[in-house]
Structures are given as structure tokens and as C-alpha cells.
Amino acid sequence: MTANNTSGEKILIVDDDVTLLTLLRQSLERAGYQVRTATNGLAGLQEMYESHPDLVILDVMMPRMDGWETVSRIREISQVPVIMLTAKDEEGDKLRGFQAGADDYVTKPFSFAELTARVGAVLHRSRQLSAQKPARLHVFGELLIDLDNRRVTRNDQPIELTPTEFRLLATLVEHAGQVLSHEQLLTKVWGYEYANDVGYVKRYIWYLRQKIENDPRNPEYITTEWGFGYSFRKE
């Protein structure tokens, strides 16, 4: 049984399946969320501007603008958490969604209880990240990482990170000089339900290196401890 949400956080659902949209709305409202809906990506973006949701649930296959393009457009203006829905279970599709900026991925068919639990978990991680204190500004040579303002620059040039990439970077930086195992990173960044999905860590370490390292093949910030995990260099 899923506990009700008492904070009334706002959820935006974007899906062209009107029947599913209605059922999802009813399920999430019963869990205590405020729910707004849209039936295509363009309408979803407009609704985002107007309602400023705390989380977006986004279908992949939609007319006019598919979910991948929609999440990419969302990431141009917001770091709001995004859960993507798809009828496909191909790893390539999931990777495409994560690279575009999705925080989680649910494959149809799914139970409403499962989706509600995923929503709660993603929002919980987002709240934890927002609430962390005190101010944390870290400088590693030419790389500046401002954890409170979610800002990363190299040589004063901004680096755009997805929410998941940022959570992974923040976790590494907060434990700079320590070696974190794949399991520790999975638990801290993705949650306990992902503890066995080592592939997520490897992919996102690769994504991060492409963005923050001068030479991703010879990283100076994120180092690999073979057979165990990763560490971030000390300031």
C-alpha cells in the first residue's frame, strides 16, 4: 500500500492516450497530488510554463512532438524531475531517454501502484537534494561546482547537466577523495530499488566525463577504481 502524499505536490502528465491519462490522474489524485494533464508535447510545454509542476510524467510515443524531443525542450528551461513512459523495453530507448534528461523510466504495461511509488521516490530524491545545507561551493582547478545553485562551470563556461548527472556529480564531490562502490552510488543517486543495476553508474560516469573532463579517456576528476567503483579528486 502506497502512503498518501500530504504536501500536495503538482504533477503534470503528458500522454495522448486520453483513457490512460484519466486513470493516471485519478490514481495520483487519490495519493494526494495535484494533477494537470496535456495530450501532446507542445501542450505539455505550455502547461509547464503556466503551472510549474514539481514532476512531469511524459509518454514517449506522441504525435506532433514525441517524448524525447519534449524532455529535451524541458531541459532547456527547467530541472524539474521527469519520468518517461514507453511501450518499448529496449535498452537503447531507455538510454536515449536518460541522455535527453529523464530521471526515471517506466515501461508499459505498469501498475498504478508502481508508478505512484516511482513518483514518490523521484520527488523524495529531489527534495533531499534541494534541502542539503550548508552552502557548498567546490573548486577543482578550472572546474567550479556550486551544489546549492546547481551550477557547474569549466573555465567560466557553463556545463549543462541533467538532474541525474548532477546528483551523481554531487554525490562524488561530497565524498571527494573517497572511493564509492557501484552499489553505494546506485543507492545514493537512484535509490535502493536500483542497487543491482551497475550499468546505470557506468553509463552516467561516461556521460559526466564527456562534459566535465578535458580528455574523457584520461580523466583527471573522476577516476576509476577497477573492480570496485569511482572516486573524485580532492580540492
C-alpha atoms as a PDB file:
ATOM      1  CA  MET A   1       0.000   0.000   0.000  1.00  0.00           C
ATOM      2  CA  THR A   2       1.355   3.412  -1.005  1.00  0.00           C
ATOM      3  CA  ALA A   3       1.304   6.163   1.594  1.00  0.00           C
ATOM      4  CA  ASN A   4      -0.577   9.313   0.617  1.00  0.00           C
ATOM      5  CA  ASN A   5       1.335  12.445  -0.273  1.00  0.00           C
ATOM      6  CA  THR A   6       0.444  15.216   2.166  1.00  0.00           C
ATOM      7  CA  SER A   7       2.361  18.103   0.584  1.00  0.00           C
ATOM      8  CA  GLY A   8       0.076  18.430  -2.452  1.00  0.00           C
ATOM      9  CA  GLU A   9       2.939  18.496  -4.938  1.00  0.00           C
ATOM     10  CA  LYS A  10       1.975  19.204  -8.531  1.00  0.00           C
ATOM     11  CA  ILE A  11       2.314  16.526 -11.201  1.00  0.00           C
ATOM     12  CA  LEU A  12       2.000  17.157 -14.941  1.00  0.00           C
ATOM     13  CA  ILE A  13       1.079  14.104 -17.061  1.00  0.00           C
ATOM     14  CA  VAL A  14       1.616  14.307 -20.829  1.00  0.00           C
ATOM     15  CA  ASP A  15       0.132  11.407 -22.829  1.00  0.00           C
ATOM     16  CA  ASP A  16      -2.015  11.183 -25.968  1.00  0.00           C
ATOM     17  CA  ASP A  17      -3.934   8.184 -24.561  1.00  0.00           C
ATOM     18  CA  VAL A  18      -6.911  10.002 -23.018  1.00  0.00           C
ATOM     19  CA  THR A  19      -8.165   6.919 -21.173  1.00  0.00           C
ATOM     20  CA  LEU A  20      -4.791   6.267 -19.557  1.00  0.00           C
ATOM     21  CA  LEU A  21      -4.447   9.970 -18.818  1.00  0.00           C
ATOM     22  CA  THR A  22      -7.719   9.939 -16.894  1.00  0.00           C
ATOM     23  CA  LEU A  23      -6.835   6.811 -14.936  1.00  0.00           C
ATOM     24  CA  LEU A  24      -3.378   8.128 -14.030  1.00  0.00           C
ATOM     25  CA  ARG A  25      -4.858  11.402 -12.912  1.00  0.00           C
ATOM     26  CA  GLN A  26      -7.375   9.675 -10.662  1.00  0.00           C
ATOM     27  CA  SER A  27      -4.696   7.390  -9.178  1.00  0.00           C
ATOM     28  CA  LEU A  28      -2.289  10.229  -8.380  1.00  0.00           C
ATOM     29  CA  GLU A  29      -5.025  12.478  -7.018  1.00  0.00           C
ATOM     30  CA  ARG A  30      -6.043   9.676  -4.654  1.00  0.00           C
ATOM     31  CA  ALA A  31      -2.421   9.634  -3.480  1.00  0.00           C
ATOM     32  CA  GLY A  32      -2.707  13.337  -2.616  1.00  0.00           C
ATOM     33  CA  TYR A  33      -1.056  15.003  -5.616  1.00  0.00           C
ATOM     34  CA  GLN A  34      -2.371  17.946  -7.611  1.00  0.00           C
ATOM     35  CA  VAL A  35      -2.508  16.793 -11.232  1.00  0.00           C
ATOM     36  CA  ARG A  36      -2.505  18.687 -14.536  1.00  0.00           C
ATOM     37  CA  THR A  37      -2.664  16.962 -17.916  1.00  0.00           C
ATOM     38  CA  ALA A  38      -1.812  17.519 -21.578  1.00  0.00           C
ATOM     39  CA  THR A  39      -2.322  15.300 -24.629  1.00  0.00           C
ATOM     40  CA  ASN A  40       0.807  16.200 -26.615  1.00  0.00           C
ATOM     41  CA  GLY A  41       4.300  17.575 -26.117  1.00  0.00           C
ATOM     42  CA  LEU A  42       3.542  21.121 -27.256  1.00  0.00           C
ATOM     43  CA  ALA A  43       0.561  21.387 -24.927  1.00  0.00           C
ATOM     44  CA  GLY A  44       2.701  19.859 -22.178  1.00  0.00           C
ATOM     45  CA  LEU A  45       5.358  22.560 -22.563  1.00  0.00           C
ATOM     46  CA  GLN A  46       2.685  25.255 -22.422  1.00  0.00           C
ATOM     47  CA  GLU A  47       1.242  23.694 -19.266  1.00  0.00           C
ATOM     48  CA  MET A  48       4.727  23.649 -17.727  1.00  0.00           C
ATOM     49  CA  TYR A  49       5.090  27.402 -18.244  1.00  0.00           C
ATOM     50  CA  GLU A  50       1.720  28.004 -16.609  1.00  0.00           C
ATOM     51  CA  SER A  51       1.629  25.550 -13.691  1.00  0.00           C
ATOM     52  CA  HIS A  52       5.322  24.997 -12.772  1.00  0.00           C
ATOM     53  CA  PRO A  53       4.912  21.333 -11.758  1.00  0.00           C
ATOM     54  CA  ASP A  54       7.126  19.527  -9.251  1.00  0.00           C
ATOM     55  CA  LEU A  55       7.381  16.469 -11.541  1.00  0.00           C
ATOM     56  CA  VAL A  56       6.469  15.566 -15.132  1.00  0.00           C
ATOM     57  CA  ILE A  57       5.249  12.155 -16.337  1.00  0.00           C
ATOM     58  CA  LEU A  58       5.880  12.011 -20.068  1.00  0.00           C
ATOM     59  CA  ASP A  59       4.856   9.453 -22.695  1.00  0.00           C
ATOM     60  CA  VAL A  60       7.424   8.685 -25.398  1.00  0.00           C
ATOM     61  CA  MET A  61       5.207   7.985 -28.408  1.00  0.00           C
ATOM     62  CA  MET A  62       3.059  11.054 -29.123  1.00  0.00           C
ATOM     63  CA  PRO A  63       2.033  12.951 -32.276  1.00  0.00           C
ATOM     64  CA  ARG A  64       3.450  16.378 -33.204  1.00  0.00           C
ATOM     65  CA  MET A  65       6.281  16.219 -30.652  1.00  0.00           C
ATOM     66  CA  ASP A  66       7.464  12.921 -29.158  1.00  0.00           C
ATOM     67  CA  GLY A  67       8.613  12.431 -25.593  1.00  0.00           C
ATOM     68  CA  TRP A  68      12.318  12.560 -26.388  1.00  0.00           C
ATOM     69  CA  GLU A  69      12.063  15.967 -28.028  1.00  0.00           C
ATOM     70  CA  THR A  70       9.732  17.174 -25.288  1.00  0.00           C
ATOM     71  CA  VAL A  71      12.111  16.237 -22.459  1.00  0.00           C
ATOM     72  CA  SER A  72      14.979  17.893 -24.347  1.00  0.00           C
ATOM     73  CA  ARG A  73      12.900  21.082 -24.601  1.00  0.00           C
ATOM     74  CA  ILE A  74      12.026  20.838 -20.908  1.00  0.00           C
ATOM     75  CA  ARG A  75      15.710  20.617 -20.037  1.00  0.00           C
ATOM     76  CA  GLU A  76      16.357  23.894 -21.852  1.00  0.00           C
ATOM     77  CA  ILE A  77      14.234  25.729 -19.298  1.00  0.00           C
ATOM     78  CA  SER A  78      13.893  23.569 -16.183  1.00  0.00           C
ATOM     79  CA  GLN A  79      15.480  20.903 -14.000  1.00  0.00           C
ATOM     80  CA  VAL A  80      12.082  19.522 -12.945  1.00  0.00           C
ATOM     81  CA  PRO A  81      12.210  15.712 -12.472  1.00  0.00           C
ATOM     82  CA  VAL A  82      10.836  13.737 -15.443  1.00  0.00           C
ATOM     83  CA  ILE A  83       9.558  10.148 -15.539  1.00  0.00           C
ATOM     84  CA  MET A  84       9.135   8.754 -19.049  1.00  0.00           C
ATOM     85  CA  LEU A  85       6.514   6.173 -20.068  1.00  0.00           C
ATOM     86  CA  THR A  86       7.006   3.862 -23.019  1.00  0.00           C
ATOM     87  CA  ALA A  87       5.541   0.729 -24.561  1.00  0.00           C
ATOM     88  CA  LYS A  88       9.058  -0.308 -25.525  1.00  0.00           C
ATOM     89  CA  ASP A  89      11.511  -2.188 -23.332  1.00  0.00           C
ATOM     90  CA  GLU A  90      14.609  -1.697 -25.456  1.00  0.00           C
ATOM     91  CA  GLU A  91      17.767  -0.596 -23.662  1.00  0.00           C
ATOM     92  CA  GLY A  92      18.559   1.844 -26.474  1.00  0.00           C
ATOM     93  CA  ASP A  93      15.274   3.656 -25.920  1.00  0.00           C
ATOM     94  CA  LYS A  94      15.954   3.942 -22.208  1.00  0.00           C
ATOM     95  CA  LEU A  95      19.437   5.288 -22.824  1.00  0.00           C
ATOM     96  CA  ARG A  96      18.048   7.840 -25.254  1.00  0.00           C
ATOM     97  CA  GLY A  97      15.575   8.986 -22.612  1.00  0.00           C
ATOM     98  CA  PHE A  98      18.227   9.250 -19.896  1.00  0.00           C
ATOM     99  CA  GLN A  99      20.580  11.124 -22.216  1.00  0.00           C
ATOM    100  CA  ALA A 100      17.793  13.564 -23.047  1.00  0.00           C
ATOM    101  CA  GLY A 101      17.378  14.291 -19.339  1.00  0.00           C
ATOM    102  CA  ALA A 102      14.846  11.827 -17.919  1.00  0.00           C
ATOM    103  CA  ASP A 103      15.183  10.866 -14.254  1.00  0.00           C
ATOM    104  CA  ASP A 104      13.331   7.555 -14.427  1.00  0.00           C
ATOM    105  CA  TYR A 105      11.719   5.257 -16.980  1.00  0.00           C
ATOM    106  CA  VAL A 106       8.598   3.072 -16.653  1.00  0.00           C
ATOM    107  CA  THR A 107       7.648   0.502 -19.286  1.00  0.00           C
ATOM    108  CA  LYS A 108       4.009  -0.133 -20.205  1.00  0.00           C
ATOM    109  CA  PRO A 109       2.075  -2.027 -19.025  1.00  0.00           C
ATOM    110  CA  PHE A 110       2.671  -0.961 -15.424  1.00  0.00           C
ATOM    111  CA  SER A 111       0.601  -0.894 -12.257  1.00  0.00           C
ATOM    112  CA  PHE A 112      -0.625   2.435 -10.920  1.00  0.00           C
ATOM    113  CA  ALA A 113       0.853   1.478  -7.549  1.00  0.00           C
ATOM    114  CA  GLU A 114       4.289   1.055  -9.158  1.00  0.00           C
ATOM    115  CA  LEU A 115       4.111   4.410 -10.927  1.00  0.00           C
ATOM    116  CA  THR A 116       2.900   6.176  -7.773  1.00  0.00           C
ATOM    117  CA  ALA A 117       5.830   4.642  -5.858  1.00  0.00           C
ATOM    118  CA  ARG A 118       8.260   5.823  -8.551  1.00  0.00           C
ATOM    119  CA  VAL A 119       6.782   9.326  -8.385  1.00  0.00           C
ATOM    120  CA  GLY A 120       7.245   9.388  -4.618  1.00  0.00           C
ATOM    121  CA  ALA A 121      10.839   8.139  -4.856  1.00  0.00           C
ATOM    122  CA  VAL A 122      11.870  10.682  -7.506  1.00  0.00           C
ATOM    123  CA  LEU A 123      10.253  13.561  -5.616  1.00  0.00           C
ATOM    124  CA  HIS A 124      11.912  12.424  -2.383  1.00  0.00           C
ATOM    125  CA  ARG A 125      15.348  12.481  -4.034  1.00  0.00           C
ATOM    126  CA  SER A 126      14.612  15.904  -5.495  1.00  0.00           C
ATOM    127  CA  ARG A 127      13.569  17.291  -2.090  1.00  0.00           C
ATOM    128  CA  GLN A 128      16.665  15.858  -0.434  1.00  0.00           C
ATOM    129  CA  LEU A 129      18.933  17.491  -2.981  1.00  0.00           C
ATOM    130  CA  SER A 130      17.179  20.857  -2.609  1.00  0.00           C
ATOM    131  CA  ALA A 131      17.306  20.758   1.199  1.00  0.00           C
ATOM    132  CA  GLN A 132      21.000  19.966   1.616  1.00  0.00           C
ATOM    133  CA  LYS A 133      22.889  22.604   3.640  1.00  0.00           C
ATOM    134  CA  PRO A 134      25.192  24.447   4.244  1.00  0.00           C
ATOM    135  CA  ALA A 135      26.338  26.281   1.110  1.00  0.00           C
ATOM    136  CA  ARG A 136      28.646  24.116  -0.897  1.00  0.00           C
ATOM    137  CA  LEU A 137      30.950  25.642  -3.477  1.00  0.00           C
ATOM    138  CA  HIS A 138      33.837  23.487  -4.689  1.00  0.00           C
ATOM    139  CA  VAL A 139      36.738  24.424  -6.938  1.00  0.00           C
ATOM    140  CA  PHE A 140      38.866  21.767  -8.636  1.00  0.00           C
ATOM    141  CA  GLY A 141      41.369  23.626 -10.791  1.00  0.00           C
ATOM    142  CA  GLU A 142      39.403  25.093 -13.708  1.00  0.00           C
ATOM    143  CA  LEU A 143      36.236  23.254 -12.658  1.00  0.00           C
ATOM    144  CA  LEU A 144      33.774  25.051 -10.342  1.00  0.00           C
ATOM    145  CA  ILE A 145      30.860  23.124  -8.824  1.00  0.00           C
ATOM    146  CA  ASP A 146      28.182  25.083  -6.950  1.00  0.00           C
ATOM    147  CA  LEU A 147      25.980  22.383  -5.405  1.00  0.00           C
ATOM    148  CA  ASP A 148      23.402  24.749  -3.888  1.00  0.00           C
ATOM    149  CA  ASN A 149      22.724  26.638  -7.096  1.00  0.00           C
ATOM    150  CA  ARG A 150      23.145  23.524  -9.265  1.00  0.00           C
ATOM    151  CA  ARG A 151      25.773  25.307 -11.346  1.00  0.00           C
ATOM    152  CA  VAL A 152      28.864  23.754 -12.929  1.00  0.00           C
ATOM    153  CA  THR A 153      31.420  25.692 -14.978  1.00  0.00           C
ATOM    154  CA  ARG A 154      34.796  24.951 -16.537  1.00  0.00           C
ATOM    155  CA  ASN A 155      36.988  27.918 -17.418  1.00  0.00           C
ATOM    156  CA  ASP A 156      33.938  30.087 -16.608  1.00  0.00           C
ATOM    157  CA  GLN A 157      31.892  28.318 -19.301  1.00  0.00           C
ATOM    158  CA  PRO A 158      28.619  26.747 -18.053  1.00  0.00           C
ATOM    159  CA  ILE A 159      28.214  22.975 -18.297  1.00  0.00           C
ATOM    160  CA  GLU A 160      24.655  21.735 -18.730  1.00  0.00           C
ATOM    161  CA  LEU A 161      23.888  18.595 -16.708  1.00  0.00           C
ATOM    162  CA  THR A 162      20.703  16.563 -16.469  1.00  0.00           C
ATOM    163  CA  PRO A 163      19.240  16.168 -12.941  1.00  0.00           C
ATOM    164  CA  THR A 164      20.579  12.606 -12.685  1.00  0.00           C
ATOM    165  CA  GLU A 165      24.028  13.642 -13.888  1.00  0.00           C
ATOM    166  CA  PHE A 166      24.046  16.433 -11.327  1.00  0.00           C
ATOM    167  CA  ARG A 167      23.006  14.120  -8.472  1.00  0.00           C
ATOM    168  CA  LEU A 168      25.790  11.717  -9.407  1.00  0.00           C
ATOM    169  CA  LEU A 169      28.351  14.524  -9.593  1.00  0.00           C
ATOM    170  CA  ALA A 170      27.158  15.971  -6.269  1.00  0.00           C
ATOM    171  CA  THR A 171      27.487  12.579  -4.583  1.00  0.00           C
ATOM    172  CA  LEU A 172      31.027  12.113  -5.885  1.00  0.00           C
ATOM    173  CA  VAL A 173      32.077  15.651  -4.940  1.00  0.00           C
ATOM    174  CA  GLU A 174      30.633  15.380  -1.416  1.00  0.00           C
ATOM    175  CA  HIS A 175      32.823  12.292  -0.938  1.00  0.00           C
ATOM    176  CA  ALA A 176      35.868  13.660  -2.774  1.00  0.00           C
ATOM    177  CA  GLY A 177      38.941  11.552  -2.130  1.00  0.00           C
ATOM    178  CA  GLN A 178      36.853   8.527  -1.160  1.00  0.00           C
ATOM    179  CA  VAL A 179      36.216   5.504  -3.337  1.00  0.00           C
ATOM    180  CA  LEU A 180      32.479   4.840  -3.734  1.00  0.00           C
ATOM    181  CA  SER A 181      31.333   1.420  -4.937  1.00  0.00           C
ATOM    182  CA  HIS A 182      28.848   0.948  -7.754  1.00  0.00           C
ATOM    183  CA  GLU A 183      26.257  -0.156  -5.186  1.00  0.00           C
ATOM    184  CA  GLN A 184      26.829   2.920  -2.986  1.00  0.00           C
ATOM    185  CA  LEU A 185      26.392   5.252  -5.949  1.00  0.00           C
ATOM    186  CA  LEU A 186      23.280   3.438  -7.144  1.00  0.00           C
ATOM    187  CA  THR A 187      21.687   3.654  -3.710  1.00  0.00           C
ATOM    188  CA  LYS A 188      22.552   7.325  -3.172  1.00  0.00           C
ATOM    189  CA  VAL A 189      21.683   8.566  -6.675  1.00  0.00           C
ATOM    190  CA  TRP A 190      18.958   6.233  -7.953  1.00  0.00           C
ATOM    191  CA  GLY A 191      17.614   4.590  -4.795  1.00  0.00           C
ATOM    192  CA  TYR A 192      17.636   1.123  -3.239  1.00  0.00           C
ATOM    193  CA  GLU A 193      15.454  -0.349  -5.986  1.00  0.00           C
ATOM    194  CA  TYR A 194      18.335   0.137  -8.459  1.00  0.00           C
ATOM    195  CA  ALA A 195      21.048  -1.451  -6.284  1.00  0.00           C
ATOM    196  CA  ASN A 196      21.833  -4.164  -8.849  1.00  0.00           C
ATOM    197  CA  ASP A 197      21.780  -2.010 -11.998  1.00  0.00           C
ATOM    198  CA  VAL A 198      25.539  -1.406 -12.241  1.00  0.00           C
ATOM    199  CA  GLY A 199      25.164  -0.401 -15.879  1.00  0.00           C
ATOM    200  CA  TYR A 200      23.455   2.858 -14.865  1.00  0.00           C
ATOM    201  CA  VAL A 201      26.539   4.000 -12.976  1.00  0.00           C
ATOM    202  CA  LYS A 202      28.931   3.143 -15.800  1.00  0.00           C
ATOM    203  CA  ARG A 203      26.809   4.973 -18.389  1.00  0.00           C
ATOM    204  CA  TYR A 204      26.390   8.098 -16.287  1.00  0.00           C
ATOM    205  CA  ILE A 205      30.056   8.221 -15.345  1.00  0.00           C
ATOM    206  CA  TRP A 206      30.723   8.178 -19.094  1.00  0.00           C
ATOM    207  CA  TYR A 207      28.186  10.982 -19.669  1.00  0.00           C
ATOM    208  CA  LEU A 208      29.756  13.095 -16.901  1.00  0.00           C
ATOM    209  CA  ARG A 209      33.279  12.606 -18.198  1.00  0.00           C
ATOM    210  CA  GLN A 210      32.194  13.743 -21.650  1.00  0.00           C
ATOM    211  CA  LYS A 211      31.006  17.015 -20.112  1.00  0.00           C
ATOM    212  CA  ILE A 212      33.490  17.886 -17.364  1.00  0.00           C
ATOM    213  CA  GLU A 213      36.788  16.298 -18.401  1.00  0.00           C
ATOM    214  CA  ASN A 214      39.227  17.897 -20.844  1.00  0.00           C
ATOM    215  CA  ASP A 215      40.092  14.388 -22.037  1.00  0.00           C
ATOM    216  CA  PRO A 216      37.380  11.860 -21.099  1.00  0.00           C
ATOM    217  CA  ARG A 217      39.714   8.953 -21.962  1.00  0.00           C
ATOM    218  CA  ASN A 218      42.261  10.208 -19.442  1.00  0.00           C
ATOM    219  CA  PRO A 219      40.082  11.696 -16.697  1.00  0.00           C
ATOM    220  CA  GLU A 220      41.600  13.958 -14.072  1.00  0.00           C
ATOM    221  CA  TYR A 221      38.471  14.456 -11.962  1.00  0.00           C
ATOM    222  CA  ILE A 222      36.551  11.157 -11.904  1.00  0.00           C
ATOM    223  CA  THR A 223      38.902   8.198 -11.545  1.00  0.00           C
ATOM    224  CA  THR A 224      38.052   4.517 -11.851  1.00  0.00           C
ATOM    225  CA  GLU A 225      38.972   2.098  -9.094  1.00  0.00           C
ATOM    226  CA  TRP A 226      38.890  -1.086 -11.135  1.00  0.00           C
ATOM    227  CA  GLY A 227      36.634  -3.784  -9.777  1.00  0.00           C
ATOM    228  CA  PHE A 228      35.160  -1.518  -7.110  1.00  0.00           C
ATOM    229  CA  GLY A 229      33.877   1.901  -8.148  1.00  0.00           C
ATOM    230  CA  TYR A 230      34.853   5.549  -8.642  1.00  0.00           C
ATOM    231  CA  SER A 231      36.338   8.483  -6.772  1.00  0.00           C
ATOM    232  CA  PHE A 232      36.507  12.232  -7.305  1.00  0.00           C
ATOM    233  CA  ARG A 233      39.792  14.039  -6.804  1.00  0.00           C
ATOM    234  CA  LYS A 234      40.239  16.229  -3.729  1.00  0.00           C
ATOM    235  CA  GLU A 235      40.196  20.012  -3.964  1.00  0.00           C
END
